[in-house]
């Protein structure tokens, strides 16, 4: 039985679709607005559930408002356990304000709200982490909370996968508790000061044992301390909306690894999931189910 635990953000995504994103001081007319469940933590939880994990548990926080109710319901509907998703009376639910252009690119402003209260583990959190095959972490909640969860996972021998987004400098003690780091190119450069992904990956291996640098349409680069780096190509697709693609990749990757897959094969499977997600709008709403991922990975068209 595969069990994925996620500690992270739960946001409502407020998405505007435009031909071209506005520059500073510019006003543009959009063609559509949508309100969609999101947050990097919740996104990764939904991705893992749809990818076929037997159990997915979400540790996070929402406000006592309509968005919080909607997000809890959406997670429940996706098969994610929300028993440890807290409701914080004094805070609003987190929101992400997203602009998506015609090339599928996006720009995002996140307002943490209740997510900002996740500075420590609450009763029951460590026990849940201890029961998991993997713990997924991101940085849309306070680093103190991320560190507490990573240390708990290390105490219990649970594999910890960190997505270092939004990009920011990280305390050494957090990286010491991470097994697999999954930055994109920008995040890898922020952490190392190196713009070449291969050089950045090599640098990061001095701090964590395994690194996957995601390269967008070019695929992903896997690096470990005891082997040569492996470049895994991504399927060629036309992107409609890249929001949530990275979270789809990580959630799916965690399931593949929990099921005993080797990392190169797991990366191919996760890349297939991400390729499917960018062909649809929204974050969690775009995430594919296992049957779709298998079909894509096996060369079938979706």
Protein backbone atom coordinates (compact mmCIF):
# COMPACT_ATOMS: atom_id res chain seq x y z
CA UNK A 1 0.00 0.00 0.00
CA UNK A 2 1.48 3.35 -1.04
CA UNK A 3 0.87 6.27 1.30
CA UNK A 4 1.96 9.80 0.38
CA UNK A 5 1.88 12.55 3.01
CA UNK A 6 1.93 16.20 1.97
CA UNK A 7 2.56 19.21 4.16
CA UNK A 8 2.03 22.48 2.36
CA UNK A 9 -0.19 25.20 1.04
CA UNK A 10 -3.87 25.06 0.17
CA UNK A 11 -4.96 28.04 -1.95
CA UNK A 12 -7.82 29.14 -4.12
CA UNK A 13 -6.44 30.03 -7.54
CA UNK A 14 -7.97 33.14 -9.14
CA UNK A 15 -6.96 32.78 -12.77
CA UNK A 16 -7.16 35.38 -15.57
CA UNK A 17 -6.56 34.23 -19.15
CA UNK A 18 -5.09 36.84 -21.50
CA UNK A 19 -3.47 36.98 -24.93
CA UNK A 20 -0.38 38.65 -23.48
CA UNK A 21 0.45 39.32 -19.83
CA UNK A 22 0.51 43.02 -18.90
CA UNK A 23 3.79 44.76 -18.28
CA UNK A 24 4.25 47.13 -15.36
CA UNK A 25 1.75 49.98 -15.58
CA UNK A 26 -0.16 48.32 -18.42
CA UNK A 27 -3.82 47.28 -18.45
CA UNK A 28 -4.98 44.48 -20.75
CA UNK A 29 -8.36 42.90 -21.39
CA UNK A 30 -8.66 39.24 -20.50
CA UNK A 31 -10.95 36.73 -22.16
CA UNK A 32 -11.81 34.49 -19.19
CA UNK A 33 -11.67 34.28 -15.39
CA UNK A 34 -11.80 31.08 -13.37
CA UNK A 35 -11.73 30.16 -9.68
CA UNK A 36 -9.92 26.83 -9.19
CA UNK A 37 -8.51 24.80 -6.27
CA UNK A 38 -4.75 25.17 -5.96
CA UNK A 39 -1.75 25.68 -3.69
CA UNK A 40 1.44 23.71 -4.26
CA UNK A 41 0.75 21.36 -1.37
CA UNK A 42 -2.83 20.61 -2.34
CA UNK A 43 -1.83 20.32 -6.01
CA UNK A 44 0.79 17.70 -5.23
CA UNK A 45 -1.67 15.80 -3.06
CA UNK A 46 -4.26 15.69 -5.84
CA UNK A 47 -1.60 14.67 -8.37
CA UNK A 48 -0.50 11.77 -6.17
CA UNK A 49 -4.09 10.65 -5.61
CA UNK A 50 -4.92 10.73 -9.32
CA UNK A 51 -1.67 8.92 -10.12
CA UNK A 52 -2.90 5.97 -8.09
CA UNK A 53 -1.48 6.24 -4.57
CA UNK A 54 -3.48 4.02 -2.22
CA UNK A 55 -3.63 6.82 0.35
CA UNK A 56 -2.77 10.52 0.27
CA UNK A 57 -2.92 12.71 3.37
CA UNK A 58 -2.88 16.51 3.42
CA UNK A 59 -1.44 18.49 6.34
CA UNK A 60 -2.23 22.18 5.93
CA UNK A 61 -4.53 25.05 6.87
CA UNK A 62 -7.49 26.93 5.44
CA UNK A 63 -9.59 29.79 6.76
CA UNK A 64 -13.13 29.57 8.09
CA UNK A 65 -14.53 31.02 4.87
CA UNK A 66 -16.18 29.89 1.66
CA UNK A 67 -12.86 29.23 -0.09
CA UNK A 68 -11.76 27.01 2.78
CA UNK A 69 -14.95 24.98 2.61
CA UNK A 70 -14.63 24.62 -1.16
CA UNK A 71 -10.99 23.55 -0.98
CA UNK A 72 -11.62 20.93 1.70
CA UNK A 73 -14.48 19.55 -0.37
CA UNK A 74 -12.34 19.48 -3.53
CA UNK A 75 -9.58 17.55 -1.76
CA UNK A 76 -12.05 15.09 -0.29
CA UNK A 77 -13.59 14.59 -3.73
CA UNK A 78 -10.13 13.88 -5.17
CA UNK A 79 -9.54 11.13 -2.62
CA UNK A 80 -7.19 13.10 -0.37
CA UNK A 81 -7.58 12.62 3.39
CA UNK A 82 -8.14 16.01 5.07
CA UNK A 83 -8.40 14.97 8.73
CA UNK A 84 -5.27 17.04 9.49
CA UNK A 85 -6.20 20.01 7.32
CA UNK A 86 -6.69 22.70 9.97
CA UNK A 87 -9.32 25.44 9.92
CA UNK A 88 -7.92 28.74 11.22
CA UNK A 89 -10.68 31.07 12.39
CA UNK A 90 -8.56 34.23 12.44
CA UNK A 91 -7.17 33.97 8.90
CA UNK A 92 -8.55 33.95 5.39
CA UNK A 93 -7.83 31.01 3.10
CA UNK A 94 -4.73 31.51 0.98
CA UNK A 95 -5.15 32.73 -2.57
CA UNK A 96 -3.03 32.70 -5.72
CA UNK A 97 -3.65 35.39 -8.35
CA UNK A 98 -2.56 33.96 -11.70
CA UNK A 99 -2.25 35.42 -15.19
CA UNK A 100 -2.02 32.85 -18.00
CA UNK A 101 -1.06 33.98 -21.52
CA UNK A 102 -1.70 32.40 -24.92
CA UNK A 103 1.65 30.62 -24.88
CA UNK A 104 0.71 28.79 -21.69
CA UNK A 105 3.09 30.82 -19.53
CA UNK A 106 2.02 32.21 -16.19
CA UNK A 107 2.79 34.82 -13.55
CA UNK A 108 1.60 34.26 -9.98
CA UNK A 109 1.12 36.31 -6.80
CA UNK A 110 0.46 34.19 -3.70
CA UNK A 111 -1.19 35.58 -0.56
CA UNK A 112 -0.57 32.97 2.18
CA UNK A 113 -3.47 33.68 4.56
CA UNK A 114 -4.02 30.61 6.77
CA UNK A 115 -0.99 28.91 5.22
CA UNK A 116 1.18 31.36 7.14
CA UNK A 117 0.15 29.76 10.44
CA UNK A 118 1.91 26.48 9.61
CA UNK A 119 5.05 27.17 11.64
CA UNK A 120 5.13 23.88 13.58
CA UNK A 121 3.63 20.41 13.61
CA UNK A 122 0.29 19.93 15.35
CA UNK A 123 -0.85 16.84 17.31
CA UNK A 124 -1.17 13.90 14.96
CA UNK A 125 1.06 15.33 12.23
CA UNK A 126 4.22 13.40 13.13
CA UNK A 127 2.36 10.11 13.45
CA UNK A 128 0.86 10.58 10.01
CA UNK A 129 4.26 11.44 8.52
CA UNK A 130 5.78 8.36 10.16
CA UNK A 131 3.18 6.14 8.47
CA UNK A 132 3.94 7.44 4.97
CA UNK A 133 6.20 6.12 2.23
CA UNK A 134 7.12 9.66 1.22
CA UNK A 135 6.64 13.22 2.46
CA UNK A 136 6.18 16.02 -0.07
CA UNK A 137 7.17 19.55 0.95
CA UNK A 138 7.19 22.97 -0.75
CA UNK A 139 7.84 26.56 0.36
CA UNK A 140 4.45 28.32 0.24
CA UNK A 141 4.27 27.89 4.03
CA UNK A 142 6.79 29.14 6.63
CA UNK A 143 10.19 27.46 6.46
CA UNK A 144 9.91 26.63 10.18
CA UNK A 145 6.99 24.34 9.47
CA UNK A 146 8.73 22.73 6.50
CA UNK A 147 11.82 22.08 8.63
CA UNK A 148 9.77 20.55 11.47
CA UNK A 149 8.11 18.15 9.04
CA UNK A 150 11.38 17.23 7.31
CA UNK A 151 13.02 16.48 10.66
CA UNK A 152 10.05 14.32 11.66
CA UNK A 153 10.34 12.38 8.41
CA UNK A 154 14.08 11.87 8.97
CA UNK A 155 13.43 10.55 12.49
CA UNK A 156 11.13 7.90 11.05
CA UNK A 157 13.09 7.04 7.92
CA UNK A 158 10.51 8.51 5.55
CA UNK A 159 11.74 9.70 2.15
CA UNK A 160 11.44 13.50 1.91
CA UNK A 161 10.97 15.25 -1.44
CA UNK A 162 11.26 19.04 -1.42
CA UNK A 163 10.13 21.39 -4.18
CA UNK A 164 12.05 24.62 -3.35
CA UNK A 165 9.34 26.97 -4.61
CA UNK A 166 8.87 29.88 -4.35
CA UNK A 167 12.62 30.17 -4.84
CA UNK A 168 14.50 31.39 -1.76
CA UNK A 169 17.71 30.67 0.16
CA UNK A 170 17.31 27.60 2.37
CA UNK A 171 18.80 26.90 5.80
CA UNK A 172 21.41 24.11 5.75
CA UNK A 173 19.51 22.17 8.39
CA UNK A 174 16.54 21.83 6.04
CA UNK A 175 18.63 20.53 3.15
CA UNK A 176 20.29 18.11 5.59
CA UNK A 177 16.87 16.50 6.10
CA UNK A 178 15.94 16.27 2.40
CA UNK A 179 16.43 13.09 0.36
CA UNK A 180 15.38 14.38 -3.08
CA UNK A 181 15.35 18.03 -4.16
CA UNK A 182 13.22 18.94 -7.21
CA UNK A 183 13.89 22.55 -8.35
CA UNK A 184 13.17 24.03 -11.74
CA UNK A 185 15.98 25.82 -13.57
CA UNK A 186 15.25 29.18 -11.94
CA UNK A 187 15.07 27.69 -8.44
CA UNK A 188 18.28 25.72 -8.98
CA UNK A 189 20.02 28.93 -10.07
CA UNK A 190 18.67 30.80 -7.03
CA UNK A 191 20.01 28.13 -4.68
CA UNK A 192 23.44 27.87 -6.30
CA UNK A 193 24.11 31.06 -8.28
CA UNK A 194 24.74 28.84 -11.33
CA UNK A 195 22.60 29.19 -14.45
CA UNK A 196 23.70 25.96 -16.15
CA UNK A 197 21.43 23.13 -14.88
CA UNK A 198 24.23 20.55 -14.94
CA UNK A 199 26.52 22.78 -12.89
CA UNK A 200 23.69 23.69 -10.53
CA UNK A 201 22.80 20.01 -10.02
CA UNK A 202 26.43 19.14 -9.25
CA UNK A 203 26.56 21.96 -6.71
CA UNK A 204 23.33 20.86 -5.04
CA UNK A 205 24.67 17.33 -4.61
CA UNK A 206 27.04 18.68 -1.98
CA UNK A 207 23.93 19.39 0.11
CA UNK A 208 21.40 16.67 -0.81
CA UNK A 209 21.92 13.09 -2.09
CA UNK A 210 19.64 13.31 -5.14
CA UNK A 211 18.48 16.16 -7.38
CA UNK A 212 16.00 16.43 -10.23
CA UNK A 213 16.12 19.75 -12.11
CA UNK A 214 12.97 20.18 -14.19
CA UNK A 215 13.61 21.79 -17.58
CA UNK A 216 10.10 22.46 -18.85
CA UNK A 217 9.62 21.29 -22.43
CA UNK A 218 13.20 19.93 -22.44
CA UNK A 219 12.42 17.34 -19.77
CA UNK A 220 14.33 16.83 -16.54
CA UNK A 221 17.88 16.24 -15.34
CA UNK A 222 18.50 13.61 -12.65
CA UNK A 223 21.73 13.72 -10.68
CA UNK A 224 23.02 11.59 -7.83
CA UNK A 225 26.35 11.41 -6.05
CA UNK A 226 27.32 7.95 -7.31
CA UNK A 227 26.42 8.05 -11.03
CA UNK A 228 26.52 10.20 -14.13
CA UNK A 229 23.59 12.64 -14.62
CA UNK A 230 20.66 11.39 -16.69
CA UNK A 231 18.65 13.66 -18.99
CA UNK A 232 15.05 12.48 -19.42
CA UNK A 233 13.23 13.99 -22.39
CA UNK A 234 9.68 15.31 -22.09
CA UNK A 235 6.93 14.43 -24.57
CA UNK A 236 6.37 17.09 -27.24
CA UNK A 237 3.02 18.79 -26.72
CA UNK A 238 1.40 22.17 -27.28
CA UNK A 239 1.02 23.88 -23.91
CA UNK A 240 -2.25 25.60 -23.07
CA UNK A 241 -1.58 26.36 -19.39
CA UNK A 242 1.57 25.37 -17.50
CA UNK A 243 0.07 26.17 -14.07
CA UNK A 244 0.47 23.15 -11.83
CA UNK A 245 2.69 21.18 -14.22
CA UNK A 246 5.56 21.05 -11.74
CA UNK A 247 3.25 19.87 -8.96
CA UNK A 248 1.79 17.22 -11.27
CA UNK A 249 5.33 16.04 -11.98
CA UNK A 250 6.33 15.81 -8.31
CA UNK A 251 3.11 14.17 -7.08
CA UNK A 252 3.29 11.55 -9.81
CA UNK A 253 7.01 11.02 -9.25
CA UNK A 254 6.40 10.35 -5.55
CA UNK A 255 3.89 7.62 -6.38
CA UNK A 256 6.25 5.93 -8.84
CA UNK A 257 9.08 5.96 -6.29
CA UNK A 258 6.83 4.69 -3.48
CA UNK A 259 5.87 1.79 -5.73
CA UNK A 260 9.54 0.88 -6.06
CA UNK A 261 10.31 2.38 -9.46
CA UNK A 262 13.86 3.43 -10.31
CA UNK A 263 14.29 7.16 -10.72
CA UNK A 264 14.89 7.32 -14.50
CA UNK A 265 11.73 5.27 -15.19
CA UNK A 266 9.80 7.25 -12.59
CA UNK A 267 10.88 10.48 -14.29
CA UNK A 268 9.58 9.29 -17.66
CA UNK A 269 6.22 8.48 -16.08
CA UNK A 270 6.08 11.81 -14.24
CA UNK A 271 7.00 13.68 -17.44
CA UNK A 272 4.08 12.01 -19.19
CA UNK A 273 1.75 13.26 -16.45
CA UNK A 274 3.11 16.81 -16.68
CA UNK A 275 2.76 16.77 -20.46
CA UNK A 276 -0.90 15.87 -20.12
CA UNK A 277 -1.48 18.60 -17.53
CA UNK A 278 -0.13 21.47 -19.65
CA UNK A 279 -2.63 20.64 -22.39
CA UNK A 280 -5.49 21.58 -20.04
CA UNK A 281 -6.37 24.70 -18.06
CA UNK A 282 -6.03 25.09 -14.32
CA UNK A 283 -3.75 23.50 -11.74
CA UNK A 284 -5.37 20.58 -9.89
CA UNK A 285 -8.19 20.51 -12.44
CA UNK A 286 -5.67 19.70 -15.20
CA UNK A 287 -4.04 16.75 -13.47
CA UNK A 288 -4.35 13.39 -15.23
CA UNK A 289 -5.50 10.05 -13.84
CA UNK A 290 -3.32 6.95 -13.76
CA UNK A 291 -4.90 5.35 -16.81
CA UNK A 292 -4.13 8.48 -18.84
CA UNK A 293 -0.55 8.63 -17.57
CA UNK A 294 0.03 4.96 -18.39
CA UNK A 295 -1.39 5.43 -21.89
CA UNK A 296 0.79 8.46 -22.54
CA UNK A 297 3.91 6.81 -21.12
CA UNK A 298 3.29 3.77 -23.30
CA UNK A 299 3.16 5.93 -26.42
CA UNK A 300 -0.61 6.19 -26.85
CA UNK A 301 -2.20 9.53 -27.67
CA UNK A 302 -4.60 11.11 -25.21
